């Protein structure tokens, strides 16, 4: 699976989501989307991230959150859906 990692600072930055084509492409191509540094995010920002991530197209196979860059090895084993 392809992992995309978003930090609270990235997500909360004005215009980052809407106007940064690199950010949008990385998120769109990710099978698994991870909010890192969630220990630095408010509960409201985490909830906003979750709502935003749940509404993405194409839908993500897994949406997760972590702190200190701790990624679960199993996240790489999520099997992307085959086209068609």
PDB file of N, CA and C in Angstrom:
ATOM      1  N   UNK A   1       0.844  -1.190   0.000  1.00  0.00           N
ATOM      2  CA  UNK A   1       0.000   0.000   0.000  1.00  0.00           C
ATOM      3  C   UNK A   1       0.881   1.243   0.000  1.00  0.00           C
ATOM      4  N   UNK A   2       0.338   2.309  -0.524  1.00  0.00           N
ATOM      5  CA  UNK A   2       1.029   3.597  -0.513  1.00  0.00           C
ATOM      6  C   UNK A   2       0.501   4.409   0.655  1.00  0.00           C
ATOM      7  N   UNK A   3       1.437   4.864   1.519  1.00  0.00           N
ATOM      8  CA  UNK A   3       1.058   5.658   2.687  1.00  0.00           C
ATOM      9  C   UNK A   3       1.242   7.136   2.400  1.00  0.00           C
ATOM     10  N   UNK A   4       0.265   7.929   2.809  1.00  0.00           N
ATOM     11  CA  UNK A   4       0.368   9.377   2.776  1.00  0.00           C
ATOM     12  C   UNK A   4       0.348   9.865   4.211  1.00  0.00           C
ATOM     13  N   UNK A   5       1.259  10.738   4.552  1.00  0.00           N
ATOM     14  CA  UNK A   5       1.362  11.216   5.931  1.00  0.00           C
ATOM     15  C   UNK A   5       1.076  12.715   5.950  1.00  0.00           C
ATOM     16  N   UNK A   6       0.162  13.098   6.820  1.00  0.00           N
ATOM     17  CA  UNK A   6      -0.245  14.490   6.971  1.00  0.00           C
ATOM     18  C   UNK A   6       0.026  14.885   8.416  1.00  0.00           C
ATOM     19  N   UNK A   7       0.561  16.076   8.619  1.00  0.00           N
ATOM     20  CA  UNK A   7       0.753  16.585   9.974  1.00  0.00           C
ATOM     21  C   UNK A   7      -0.336  17.604  10.284  1.00  0.00           C
ATOM     22  N   UNK A   8      -0.591  17.848  11.565  1.00  0.00           N
ATOM     23  CA  UNK A   8      -1.574  18.874  11.910  1.00  0.00           C
ATOM     24  C   UNK A   8      -1.245  20.228  11.284  1.00  0.00           C
ATOM     25  N   UNK A   9       0.040  20.567  11.238  1.00  0.00           N
ATOM     26  CA  UNK A   9       0.428  21.856  10.649  1.00  0.00           C
ATOM     27  C   UNK A   9       0.069  21.911   9.169  1.00  0.00           C
ATOM     28  N   UNK A  10       0.273  20.800   8.451  1.00  0.00           N
ATOM     29  CA  UNK A  10      -0.104  20.748   7.031  1.00  0.00           C
ATOM     30  C   UNK A  10      -1.604  20.903   6.870  1.00  0.00           C
ATOM     31  N   UNK A  11      -2.332  20.134   7.655  1.00  0.00           N
ATOM     32  CA  UNK A  11      -3.788  20.112   7.520  1.00  0.00           C
ATOM     33  C   UNK A  11      -4.412  21.451   7.893  1.00  0.00           C
ATOM     34  N   UNK A  12      -3.868  22.105   8.911  1.00  0.00           N
ATOM     35  CA  UNK A  12      -4.446  23.348   9.408  1.00  0.00           C
ATOM     36  C   UNK A  12      -3.976  24.591   8.651  1.00  0.00           C
ATOM     37  N   UNK A  13      -2.946  24.453   7.815  1.00  0.00           N
ATOM     38  CA  UNK A  13      -2.414  25.617   7.100  1.00  0.00           C
ATOM     39  C   UNK A  13      -3.442  26.154   6.118  1.00  0.00           C
ATOM     40  N   UNK A  14      -3.712  27.452   6.166  1.00  0.00           N
ATOM     41  CA  UNK A  14      -4.689  28.033   5.238  1.00  0.00           C
ATOM     42  C   UNK A  14      -4.298  27.772   3.782  1.00  0.00           C
ATOM     43  N   UNK A  15      -5.223  27.211   3.030  1.00  0.00           N
ATOM     44  CA  UNK A  15      -5.003  26.995   1.615  1.00  0.00           C
ATOM     45  C   UNK A  15      -4.222  25.749   1.242  1.00  0.00           C
ATOM     46  N   UNK A  16      -3.636  25.061   2.209  1.00  0.00           N
ATOM     47  CA  UNK A  16      -2.797  23.904   1.881  1.00  0.00           C
ATOM     48  C   UNK A  16      -3.593  22.842   1.126  1.00  0.00           C
ATOM     49  N   UNK A  17      -4.748  22.519   1.619  1.00  0.00           N
ATOM     50  CA  UNK A  17      -5.536  21.450   1.024  1.00  0.00           C
ATOM     51  C   UNK A  17      -6.060  21.860  -0.352  1.00  0.00           C
ATOM     52  N   UNK A  18      -6.514  23.079  -0.477  1.00  0.00           N
ATOM     53  CA  UNK A  18      -7.153  23.517  -1.713  1.00  0.00           C
ATOM     54  C   UNK A  18      -6.189  23.982  -2.792  1.00  0.00           C
ATOM     55  N   UNK A  19      -5.080  24.594  -2.408  1.00  0.00           N
ATOM     56  CA  UNK A  19      -4.259  25.255  -3.421  1.00  0.00           C
ATOM     57  C   UNK A  19      -2.902  24.620  -3.666  1.00  0.00           C
ATOM     58  N   UNK A  20      -2.528  23.598  -2.913  1.00  0.00           N
ATOM     59  CA  UNK A  20      -1.214  22.996  -3.109  1.00  0.00           C
ATOM     60  C   UNK A  20      -1.360  21.706  -3.924  1.00  0.00           C
ATOM     61  N   UNK A  21      -1.003  21.743  -5.210  1.00  0.00           N
ATOM     62  CA  UNK A  21      -1.206  20.571  -6.057  1.00  0.00           C
ATOM     63  C   UNK A  21      -0.371  19.360  -5.621  1.00  0.00           C
ATOM     64  N   UNK A  22       0.804  19.574  -5.080  1.00  0.00           N
ATOM     65  CA  UNK A  22       1.635  18.453  -4.627  1.00  0.00           C
ATOM     66  C   UNK A  22       0.957  17.760  -3.447  1.00  0.00           C
ATOM     67  N   UNK A  23       0.461  18.534  -2.497  1.00  0.00           N
ATOM     68  CA  UNK A  23      -0.245  17.970  -1.346  1.00  0.00           C
ATOM     69  C   UNK A  23      -1.463  17.175  -1.823  1.00  0.00           C
ATOM     70  N   UNK A  24      -2.254  17.766  -2.699  1.00  0.00           N
ATOM     71  CA  UNK A  24      -3.450  17.088  -3.207  1.00  0.00           C
ATOM     72  C   UNK A  24      -3.095  15.786  -3.913  1.00  0.00           C
ATOM     73  N   UNK A  25      -2.064  15.812  -4.764  1.00  0.00           N
ATOM     74  CA  UNK A  25      -1.655  14.599  -5.486  1.00  0.00           C
ATOM     75  C   UNK A  25      -1.194  13.505  -4.534  1.00  0.00           C
ATOM     76  N   UNK A  26      -0.412  13.871  -3.533  1.00  0.00           N
ATOM     77  CA  UNK A  26       0.075  12.871  -2.585  1.00  0.00           C
ATOM     78  C   UNK A  26      -1.077  12.236  -1.819  1.00  0.00           C
ATOM     79  N   UNK A  27      -2.032  13.043  -1.411  1.00  0.00           N
ATOM     80  CA  UNK A  27      -3.188  12.514  -0.689  1.00  0.00           C
ATOM     81  C   UNK A  27      -4.019  11.640  -1.617  1.00  0.00           C
ATOM     82  N   UNK A  28      -4.243  12.089  -2.834  1.00  0.00           N
ATOM     83  CA  UNK A  28      -5.079  11.339  -3.764  1.00  0.00           C
ATOM     84  C   UNK A  28      -4.469   9.980  -4.085  1.00  0.00           C
ATOM     85  N   UNK A  29      -3.159   9.892  -4.212  1.00  0.00           N
ATOM     86  CA  UNK A  29      -2.503   8.649  -4.586  1.00  0.00           C
ATOM     87  C   UNK A  29      -2.302   7.691  -3.421  1.00  0.00           C
ATOM     88  N   UNK A  30      -2.562   8.132  -2.220  1.00  0.00           N
ATOM     89  CA  UNK A  30      -2.355   7.287  -1.037  1.00  0.00           C
ATOM     90  C   UNK A  30      -3.493   6.286  -0.870  1.00  0.00           C
ATOM     91  N   UNK A  31      -3.109   5.045  -0.537  1.00  0.00           N
ATOM     92  CA  UNK A  31      -4.096   4.034  -0.166  1.00  0.00           C
ATOM     93  C   UNK A  31      -4.444   4.180   1.310  1.00  0.00           C
ATOM     94  N   UNK A  32      -3.424   4.520   2.084  1.00  0.00           N
ATOM     95  CA  UNK A  32      -3.548   4.681   3.536  1.00  0.00           C
ATOM     96  C   UNK A  32      -3.169   6.115   3.862  1.00  0.00           C
ATOM     97  N   UNK A  33      -4.005   6.801   4.608  1.00  0.00           N
ATOM     98  CA  UNK A  33      -3.735   8.185   4.989  1.00  0.00           C
ATOM     99  C   UNK A  33      -3.548   8.246   6.493  1.00  0.00           C
ATOM    100  N   UNK A  34      -2.410   8.816   6.919  1.00  0.00           N
ATOM    101  CA  UNK A  34      -2.046   8.834   8.335  1.00  0.00           C
ATOM    102  C   UNK A  34      -1.882  10.275   8.808  1.00  0.00           C
ATOM    103  N   UNK A  35      -2.547  10.598   9.901  1.00  0.00           N
ATOM    104  CA  UNK A  35      -2.313  11.871  10.580  1.00  0.00           C
ATOM    105  C   UNK A  35      -1.232  11.611  11.612  1.00  0.00           C
ATOM    106  N   UNK A  36      -0.052  12.184  11.398  1.00  0.00           N
ATOM    107  CA  UNK A  36       1.057  12.029  12.337  1.00  0.00           C
ATOM    108  C   UNK A  36       1.075  13.228  13.289  1.00  0.00           C
ATOM    109  N   UNK A  37       1.798  13.091  14.362  1.00  0.00           N
ATOM    110  CA  UNK A  37       1.926  14.149  15.370  1.00  0.00           C
ATOM    111  C   UNK A  37       0.573  14.498  15.975  1.00  0.00           C
ATOM    112  N   UNK A  38      -0.294  13.508  16.101  1.00  0.00           N
ATOM    113  CA  UNK A  38      -1.618  13.803  16.639  1.00  0.00           C
ATOM    114  C   UNK A  38      -1.548  14.289  18.079  1.00  0.00           C
ATOM    115  N   UNK A  39      -0.402  14.051  18.736  1.00  0.00           N
ATOM    116  CA  UNK A  39      -0.225  14.562  20.094  1.00  0.00           C
ATOM    117  C   UNK A  39      -0.128  16.088  20.107  1.00  0.00           C
ATOM    118  N   UNK A  40       0.089  16.695  18.943  1.00  0.00           N
ATOM    119  CA  UNK A  40       0.163  18.159  18.860  1.00  0.00           C
ATOM    120  C   UNK A  40      -1.130  18.764  18.328  1.00  0.00           C
ATOM    121  N   UNK A  41      -2.116  17.915  18.057  1.00  0.00           N
ATOM    122  CA  UNK A  41      -3.369  18.386  17.464  1.00  0.00           C
ATOM    123  C   UNK A  41      -4.472  18.439  18.510  1.00  0.00           C
ATOM    124  N   UNK A  42      -5.341  19.408  18.357  1.00  0.00           N
ATOM    125  CA  UNK A  42      -6.503  19.501  19.234  1.00  0.00           C
ATOM    126  C   UNK A  42      -7.513  18.422  18.844  1.00  0.00           C
ATOM    127  N   UNK A  43      -8.393  18.056  19.767  1.00  0.00           N
ATOM    128  CA  UNK A  43      -9.449  17.099  19.415  1.00  0.00           C
ATOM    129  C   UNK A  43     -10.306  17.588  18.242  1.00  0.00           C
ATOM    130  N   UNK A  44     -10.505  18.893  18.142  1.00  0.00           N
ATOM    131  CA  UNK A  44     -11.293  19.443  17.042  1.00  0.00           C
ATOM    132  C   UNK A  44     -10.587  19.252  15.709  1.00  0.00           C
ATOM    133  N   UNK A  45      -9.272  19.470  15.686  1.00  0.00           N
ATOM    134  CA  UNK A  45      -8.522  19.290  14.447  1.00  0.00           C
ATOM    135  C   UNK A  45      -8.525  17.820  14.040  1.00  0.00           C
ATOM    136  N   UNK A  46      -8.385  16.921  14.998  1.00  0.00           N
ATOM    137  CA  UNK A  46      -8.418  15.489  14.693  1.00  0.00           C
ATOM    138  C   UNK A  46      -9.777  15.108  14.110  1.00  0.00           C
ATOM    139  N   UNK A  47     -10.851  15.618  14.687  1.00  0.00           N
ATOM    140  CA  UNK A  47     -12.195  15.345  14.170  1.00  0.00           C
ATOM    141  C   UNK A  47     -12.367  15.933  12.770  1.00  0.00           C
ATOM    142  N   UNK A  48     -11.853  17.144  12.540  1.00  0.00           N
ATOM    143  CA  UNK A  48     -11.925  17.764  11.215  1.00  0.00           C
ATOM    144  C   UNK A  48     -11.160  16.937  10.190  1.00  0.00           C
ATOM    145  N   UNK A  49      -9.971  16.459  10.569  1.00  0.00           N
ATOM    146  CA  UNK A  49      -9.169  15.615   9.681  1.00  0.00           C
ATOM    147  C   UNK A  49      -9.940  14.350   9.320  1.00  0.00           C
ATOM    148  N   UNK A  50     -10.531  13.711  10.316  1.00  0.00           N
ATOM    149  CA  UNK A  50     -11.264  12.468  10.090  1.00  0.00           C
ATOM    150  C   UNK A  50     -12.436  12.698   9.125  1.00  0.00           C
ATOM    151  N   UNK A  51     -13.186  13.772   9.325  1.00  0.00           N
ATOM    152  CA  UNK A  51     -14.310  14.088   8.428  1.00  0.00           C
ATOM    153  C   UNK A  51     -13.818  14.336   7.005  1.00  0.00           C
ATOM    154  N   UNK A  52     -12.742  15.122   6.896  1.00  0.00           N
ATOM    155  CA  UNK A  52     -12.175  15.430   5.581  1.00  0.00           C
ATOM    156  C   UNK A  52     -11.687  14.151   4.902  1.00  0.00           C
ATOM    157  N   UNK A  53     -10.937  13.336   5.633  1.00  0.00           N
ATOM    158  CA  UNK A  53     -10.372  12.115   5.061  1.00  0.00           C
ATOM    159  C   UNK A  53     -11.467  11.129   4.653  1.00  0.00           C
ATOM    160  N   UNK A  54     -12.527  11.040   5.433  1.00  0.00           N
ATOM    161  CA  UNK A  54     -13.635  10.138   5.098  1.00  0.00           C
ATOM    162  C   UNK A  54     -14.354  10.564   3.826  1.00  0.00           C
ATOM    163  N   UNK A  55     -14.261  11.838   3.462  1.00  0.00           N
ATOM    164  CA  UNK A  55     -14.933  12.342   2.274  1.00  0.00           C
ATOM    165  C   UNK A  55     -14.082  12.352   1.016  1.00  0.00           C
ATOM    166  N   UNK A  56     -12.858  11.855   1.097  1.00  0.00           N
ATOM    167  CA  UNK A  56     -11.964  11.892  -0.057  1.00  0.00           C
ATOM    168  C   UNK A  56     -12.389  10.903  -1.136  1.00  0.00           C
ATOM    169  N   UNK A  57     -12.085  11.268  -2.376  1.00  0.00           N
ATOM    170  CA  UNK A  57     -12.264  10.362  -3.496  1.00  0.00           C
ATOM    171  C   UNK A  57     -10.984  10.344  -4.301  1.00  0.00           C
ATOM    172  N   UNK A  58     -10.458   9.187  -4.605  1.00  0.00           N
ATOM    173  CA  UNK A  58     -11.006   7.897  -4.222  1.00  0.00           C
ATOM    174  C   UNK A  58     -10.898   7.677  -2.717  1.00  0.00           C
ATOM    175  N   UNK A  59     -11.810   6.864  -2.176  1.00  0.00           N
ATOM    176  CA  UNK A  59     -11.783   6.612  -0.738  1.00  0.00           C
ATOM    177  C   UNK A  59     -10.493   5.902  -0.333  1.00  0.00           C
ATOM    178  N   UNK A  60     -10.049   6.186   0.864  1.00  0.00           N
ATOM    179  CA  UNK A  60      -8.847   5.546   1.390  1.00  0.00           C
ATOM    180  C   UNK A  60      -9.201   4.176   1.951  1.00  0.00           C
ATOM    181  N   UNK A  61      -8.277   3.234   1.827  1.00  0.00           N
ATOM    182  CA  UNK A  61      -8.493   1.898   2.378  1.00  0.00           C
ATOM    183  C   UNK A  61      -8.362   1.899   3.890  1.00  0.00           C
ATOM    184  N   UNK A  62      -7.575   2.851   4.406  1.00  0.00           N
ATOM    185  CA  UNK A  62      -7.388   2.973   5.850  1.00  0.00           C
ATOM    186  C   UNK A  62      -7.054   4.418   6.169  1.00  0.00           C
ATOM    187  N   UNK A  63      -7.678   4.938   7.204  1.00  0.00           N
ATOM    188  CA  UNK A  63      -7.354   6.265   7.731  1.00  0.00           C
ATOM    189  C   UNK A  63      -6.923   6.037   9.164  1.00  0.00           C
ATOM    190  N   UNK A  64      -5.722   6.501   9.494  1.00  0.00           N
ATOM    191  CA  UNK A  64      -5.163   6.225  10.813  1.00  0.00           C
ATOM    192  C   UNK A  64      -4.540   7.489  11.388  1.00  0.00           C
ATOM    193  N   UNK A  65      -4.217   7.419  12.668  1.00  0.00           N
ATOM    194  CA  UNK A  65      -3.541   8.529  13.343  1.00  0.00           C
ATOM    195  C   UNK A  65      -2.461   7.946  14.235  1.00  0.00           C
ATOM    196  N   UNK A  66      -1.392   8.696  14.395  1.00  0.00           N
ATOM    197  CA  UNK A  66      -0.273   8.240  15.205  1.00  0.00           C
ATOM    198  C   UNK A  66       0.481   9.438  15.755  1.00  0.00           C
ATOM    199  N   UNK A  67       1.418   9.152  16.626  1.00  0.00           N
ATOM    200  CA  UNK A  67       2.293  10.181  17.190  1.00  0.00           C
ATOM    201  C   UNK A  67       3.739   9.733  17.045  1.00  0.00           C
ATOM    202  N   UNK A  68       4.615  10.697  16.948  1.00  0.00           N
ATOM    203  CA  UNK A  68       6.057  10.442  16.914  1.00  0.00           C
ATOM    204  C   UNK A  68       6.468   9.532  15.756  1.00  0.00           C
ATOM    205  N   UNK A  69       5.724   9.558  14.660  1.00  0.00           N
ATOM    206  CA  UNK A  69       6.079   8.790  13.478  1.00  0.00           C
ATOM    207  C   UNK A  69       5.959   7.292  13.613  1.00  0.00           C
ATOM    208  N   UNK A  70       5.224   6.829  14.603  1.00  0.00           N
ATOM    209  CA  UNK A  70       5.074   5.379  14.808  1.00  0.00           C
ATOM    210  C   UNK A  70       4.053   4.817  13.816  1.00  0.00           C
ATOM    211  N   UNK A  71       4.565   4.156  12.820  1.00  0.00           N
ATOM    212  CA  UNK A  71       3.702   3.552  11.812  1.00  0.00           C
ATOM    213  C   UNK A  71       3.580   2.064  12.088  1.00  0.00           C
ATOM    214  N   UNK A  72       2.403   1.526  11.882  1.00  0.00           N
ATOM    215  CA  UNK A  72       2.164   0.093  12.046  1.00  0.00           C
ATOM    216  C   UNK A  72       2.592  -0.621  10.764  1.00  0.00           C
ATOM    217  N   UNK A  73       3.365  -1.678  10.898  1.00  0.00           N
ATOM    218  CA  UNK A  73       3.814  -2.430   9.729  1.00  0.00           C
ATOM    219  C   UNK A  73       2.664  -2.968   8.899  1.00  0.00           C
ATOM    220  N   UNK A  74       1.563  -3.325   9.560  1.00  0.00           N
ATOM    221  CA  UNK A  74       0.405  -3.856   8.851  1.00  0.00           C
ATOM    222  C   UNK A  74      -0.231  -2.868   7.899  1.00  0.00           C
ATOM    223  N   UNK A  75       0.002  -1.588   8.118  1.00  0.00           N
ATOM    224  CA  UNK A  75      -0.560  -0.583   7.218  1.00  0.00           C
ATOM    225  C   UNK A  75      -0.017  -0.761   5.806  1.00  0.00           C
ATOM    226  N   UNK A  76       1.202  -1.273   5.678  1.00  0.00           N
ATOM    227  CA  UNK A  76       1.786  -1.500   4.357  1.00  0.00           C
ATOM    228  C   UNK A  76       1.170  -2.707   3.663  1.00  0.00           C
ATOM    229  N   UNK A  77       0.526  -3.568   4.434  1.00  0.00           N
ATOM    230  CA  UNK A  77      -0.070  -4.787   3.886  1.00  0.00           C
ATOM    231  C   UNK A  77      -1.510  -4.605   3.425  1.00  0.00           C
ATOM    232  N   UNK A  78      -2.047  -3.403   3.599  1.00  0.00           N
ATOM    233  CA  UNK A  78      -3.406  -3.155   3.105  1.00  0.00           C
ATOM    234  C   UNK A  78      -3.374  -3.329   1.603  1.00  0.00           C
ATOM    235  N   UNK A  79      -4.280  -4.139   1.099  1.00  0.00           N
ATOM    236  CA  UNK A  79      -4.262  -4.470  -0.324  1.00  0.00           C
ATOM    237  C   UNK A  79      -5.087  -3.454  -1.106  1.00  0.00           C
ATOM    238  N   UNK A  80      -4.423  -2.720  -2.002  1.00  0.00           N
ATOM    239  CA  UNK A  80      -5.162  -1.768  -2.837  1.00  0.00           C
ATOM    240  C   UNK A  80      -6.187  -2.506  -3.704  1.00  0.00           C
ATOM    241  N   UNK A  81      -7.301  -1.848  -3.952  1.00  0.00           N
ATOM    242  CA  UNK A  81      -8.332  -2.425  -4.806  1.00  0.00           C
ATOM    243  C   UNK A  81      -7.831  -2.435  -6.243  1.00  0.00           C
ATOM    244  N   UNK A  82      -8.076  -3.518  -6.935  1.00  0.00           N
ATOM    245  CA  UNK A  82      -7.662  -3.578  -8.329  1.00  0.00           C
ATOM    246  C   UNK A  82      -8.656  -2.812  -9.193  1.00  0.00           C
ATOM    247  N   UNK A  83      -8.157  -2.081 -10.188  1.00  0.00           N
ATOM    248  CA  UNK A  83      -9.061  -1.320 -11.052  1.00  0.00           C
ATOM    249  C   UNK A  83      -9.980  -2.244 -11.836  1.00  0.00           C
ATOM    250  N   UNK A  84     -11.208  -1.793 -12.037  1.00  0.00           N
ATOM    251  CA  UNK A  84     -12.157  -2.501 -12.870  1.00  0.00           C
ATOM    252  C   UNK A  84     -12.768  -3.624 -12.168  1.00  0.00           C
TER     253      UNK A  84
END
